[in-house]
Amino acid sequence: MKVLEEVRRLAEPLADESGYELVDVEHAVLGSRMVVRVLLDKPGGITVGDCARFSRRLSDCMDMNQIVPGRYQLEVSSPGIERRLNTLDSVARFSGRKATVTTLEPRDGRRNWEGILIGPEDGQVGLRTDDGNEHWFGWAEVKMARLVMTDPWKRGDVPDRGGSK
């Protein structure tokens, strides 16, 4: 856990400087090597070039400060289409999009909920389910929240490619 805190401490100001949002810092141990993952985003989306530049800067800082003992692999990437929502700020940013919420404790016999994200409001996140009902969860009750990729073909949002009329 100390490694994640130190990487986050170094990554946050670098991300802010570059106009990026530091979404998350994760790690895994693979054999004798540690993998450190840093997830970034920015308005309009993060590019491969953004990730490469950030990776070089963060790697230099990590090496200089000797954050990770031994060998490590640094991966910098986008949080992806089905990104986790780790803060109420991210809930606000993606309000109106389809999401899933997993609660720590069951409510009405279930822990997994899916619907359109609403909120936040007074420290709570809401979902409007397909049946039109709203369900509100205190942020402390939420184990995980994640965006859900929607299929534009199902909604008829197929882009006009200039085909036959």
Protein backbone atom coordinates (compact mmCIF):
# COMPACT_ATOMS: atom_id res chain seq x y z
CA MET A 1 0.00 0.00 0.00
CA LYS A 2 2.88 2.36 0.72
CA VAL A 3 4.07 2.05 -2.89
CA LEU A 4 0.66 3.09 -4.23
CA GLU A 5 0.53 6.09 -1.90
CA GLU A 6 4.02 7.19 -2.96
CA VAL A 7 3.28 6.73 -6.67
CA ARG A 8 0.06 8.71 -6.25
CA ARG A 9 1.96 11.45 -4.37
CA LEU A 10 4.36 11.77 -7.31
CA ALA A 11 1.78 11.33 -10.08
CA GLU A 12 -0.85 13.82 -8.89
CA PRO A 13 1.20 17.00 -9.40
CA LEU A 14 2.58 15.71 -12.72
CA ALA A 15 -0.96 14.99 -13.92
CA ASP A 16 -2.23 18.40 -12.76
CA GLU A 17 0.68 20.13 -14.52
CA SER A 18 -0.19 18.39 -17.77
CA GLY A 19 -3.94 18.99 -17.53
CA TYR A 20 -4.74 15.32 -16.87
CA GLU A 21 -7.02 13.72 -14.31
CA LEU A 22 -5.31 11.03 -12.26
CA VAL A 23 -8.10 8.43 -12.23
CA ASP A 24 -6.40 5.64 -10.32
CA VAL A 25 -3.14 3.98 -9.34
CA GLU A 26 -3.05 0.18 -9.13
CA HIS A 27 -0.39 -2.45 -8.63
CA ALA A 28 0.11 -6.16 -9.01
CA VAL A 29 3.01 -8.47 -8.28
CA LEU A 30 4.04 -10.79 -11.12
CA GLY A 31 6.74 -13.15 -9.93
CA SER A 32 9.59 -11.01 -8.65
CA ARG A 33 8.46 -7.87 -10.47
CA MET A 34 5.85 -5.31 -9.54
CA VAL A 35 3.54 -3.78 -12.14
CA VAL A 36 2.36 -0.25 -11.39
CA ARG A 37 -0.62 0.99 -13.44
CA VAL A 38 -1.54 4.65 -13.66
CA LEU A 39 -4.85 5.56 -15.27
CA LEU A 40 -5.21 9.05 -16.74
CA ASP A 41 -7.95 10.98 -18.48
CA LYS A 42 -8.55 14.46 -19.85
CA PRO A 43 -11.40 16.21 -21.62
CA GLY A 44 -11.60 14.75 -25.11
CA GLY A 45 -9.75 11.62 -24.03
CA ILE A 46 -6.16 10.66 -23.35
CA THR A 47 -3.89 9.72 -26.27
CA VAL A 48 -1.07 7.20 -26.60
CA GLY A 49 1.34 10.13 -26.87
CA ASP A 50 -0.01 11.62 -23.63
CA CYS A 51 0.54 8.28 -21.89
CA ALA A 52 4.08 7.91 -23.27
CA ARG A 53 5.14 11.41 -22.16
CA PHE A 54 3.61 10.97 -18.73
CA SER A 55 5.19 7.53 -18.35
CA ARG A 56 8.69 8.89 -19.02
CA ARG A 57 8.25 11.73 -16.52
CA LEU A 58 6.74 9.55 -13.80
CA SER A 59 9.29 6.78 -14.31
CA ASP A 60 12.14 9.27 -13.88
CA CYS A 61 10.56 10.56 -10.65
CA MET A 62 9.95 7.05 -9.33
CA ASP A 63 13.54 6.01 -10.07
CA MET A 64 14.98 9.17 -8.55
CA ASN A 65 12.93 8.70 -5.37
CA GLN A 66 13.44 4.91 -5.34
CA ILE A 67 9.74 4.30 -4.80
CA VAL A 68 9.65 0.66 -5.92
CA PRO A 69 12.32 -1.65 -4.53
CA GLY A 70 13.71 -3.91 -7.26
CA ARG A 71 12.36 -4.26 -10.77
CA TYR A 72 9.03 -2.85 -11.80
CA GLN A 73 6.99 -2.24 -14.91
CA LEU A 74 5.10 1.05 -15.26
CA GLU A 75 1.93 1.07 -17.36
CA VAL A 76 0.17 4.35 -18.10
CA SER A 77 -3.16 4.21 -19.90
CA SER A 78 -6.71 5.45 -20.25
CA PRO A 79 -9.30 4.13 -17.80
CA GLY A 80 -11.21 2.82 -20.82
CA ILE A 81 -14.82 2.98 -21.92
CA GLU A 82 -16.13 1.06 -18.91
CA ARG A 83 -14.10 3.07 -16.42
CA ARG A 84 -14.53 2.89 -12.68
CA LEU A 85 -16.09 5.87 -10.98
CA ASN A 86 -13.96 6.38 -7.89
CA THR A 87 -15.26 9.75 -6.69
CA LEU A 88 -18.48 11.71 -6.53
CA ASP A 89 -16.80 14.19 -8.90
CA SER A 90 -16.54 11.44 -11.51
CA VAL A 91 -20.20 10.57 -10.89
CA ALA A 92 -21.11 14.20 -11.61
CA ARG A 93 -18.95 14.23 -14.74
CA PHE A 94 -20.63 11.14 -16.18
CA SER A 95 -24.18 11.79 -14.97
CA GLY A 96 -26.66 10.76 -17.67
CA ARG A 97 -24.56 7.79 -18.82
CA LYS A 98 -25.33 4.12 -18.25
CA ALA A 99 -23.55 2.67 -15.22
CA THR A 100 -23.53 -0.19 -12.74
CA VAL A 101 -23.34 0.19 -8.98
CA THR A 102 -22.37 -2.64 -6.66
CA THR A 103 -23.25 -2.09 -3.02
CA LEU A 104 -21.42 -3.43 0.01
CA GLU A 105 -24.63 -4.81 1.51
CA PRO A 106 -27.70 -6.15 -0.33
CA ARG A 107 -30.70 -3.89 -0.74
CA ASP A 108 -34.03 -5.44 -1.77
CA GLY A 109 -32.16 -8.74 -2.06
CA ARG A 110 -29.52 -7.54 -4.52
CA ARG A 111 -26.15 -5.83 -4.62
CA ASN A 112 -25.78 -5.13 -8.37
CA TRP A 113 -27.74 -2.31 -9.97
CA GLU A 114 -27.69 -0.95 -13.52
CA GLY A 115 -29.25 2.17 -14.97
CA ILE A 116 -28.71 5.77 -15.96
CA LEU A 117 -26.42 7.62 -13.57
CA ILE A 118 -27.96 10.56 -11.72
CA GLY A 119 -26.46 12.76 -9.08
CA PRO A 120 -24.51 13.13 -7.01
CA GLU A 121 -26.80 14.71 -4.48
CA ASP A 122 -26.03 15.14 -0.78
CA GLY A 123 -23.26 12.53 -0.87
CA GLN A 124 -25.39 10.01 -2.71
CA VAL A 125 -25.31 8.52 -6.19
CA GLY A 126 -28.49 7.62 -8.02
CA LEU A 127 -29.49 5.27 -10.80
CA ARG A 128 -32.63 5.39 -12.92
CA THR A 129 -33.36 1.77 -13.84
CA ASP A 130 -35.11 0.57 -17.00
CA ASP A 131 -38.42 0.42 -15.12
CA GLY A 132 -38.16 4.19 -14.53
CA ASN A 133 -37.53 3.95 -10.79
CA GLU A 134 -34.75 5.91 -9.09
CA HIS A 135 -32.51 4.20 -6.55
CA TRP A 136 -30.17 6.28 -4.37
CA PHE A 137 -27.09 4.97 -2.56
CA GLY A 138 -24.92 6.70 0.01
CA TRP A 139 -21.37 6.87 -1.39
CA ALA A 140 -20.14 4.92 1.67
CA GLU A 141 -22.54 2.09 0.67
CA VAL A 142 -21.00 1.76 -2.80
CA LYS A 143 -18.39 -0.94 -3.25
CA MET A 144 -17.86 -0.12 -6.93
CA ALA A 145 -19.39 2.05 -9.63
CA ARG A 146 -18.51 1.65 -13.29
CA LEU A 147 -19.66 3.03 -16.63
CA VAL A 148 -21.31 0.57 -19.01
CA MET A 149 -20.64 0.69 -22.72
CA THR A 150 -23.86 1.02 -24.65
CA ASP A 151 -24.41 -0.49 -28.07
CA PRO A 152 -25.21 2.37 -30.49
CA TRP A 153 -26.59 -0.14 -33.01
CA LYS A 154 -29.37 -1.14 -30.62
CA ARG A 155 -30.52 2.44 -30.15
CA GLY A 156 -30.45 3.21 -33.85
CA ASP A 157 -27.60 5.71 -33.40
CA VAL A 158 -25.83 4.32 -36.43
CA PRO A 159 -23.78 7.09 -38.02
CA ASP A 160 -24.70 8.09 -41.57
CA ARG A 161 -21.78 6.97 -43.72
CA GLY A 162 -23.12 8.62 -46.87
CA GLY A 163 -24.42 5.35 -48.33
CA SER A 164 -27.35 4.88 -50.65
CA LYS A 165 -30.51 6.85 -50.03
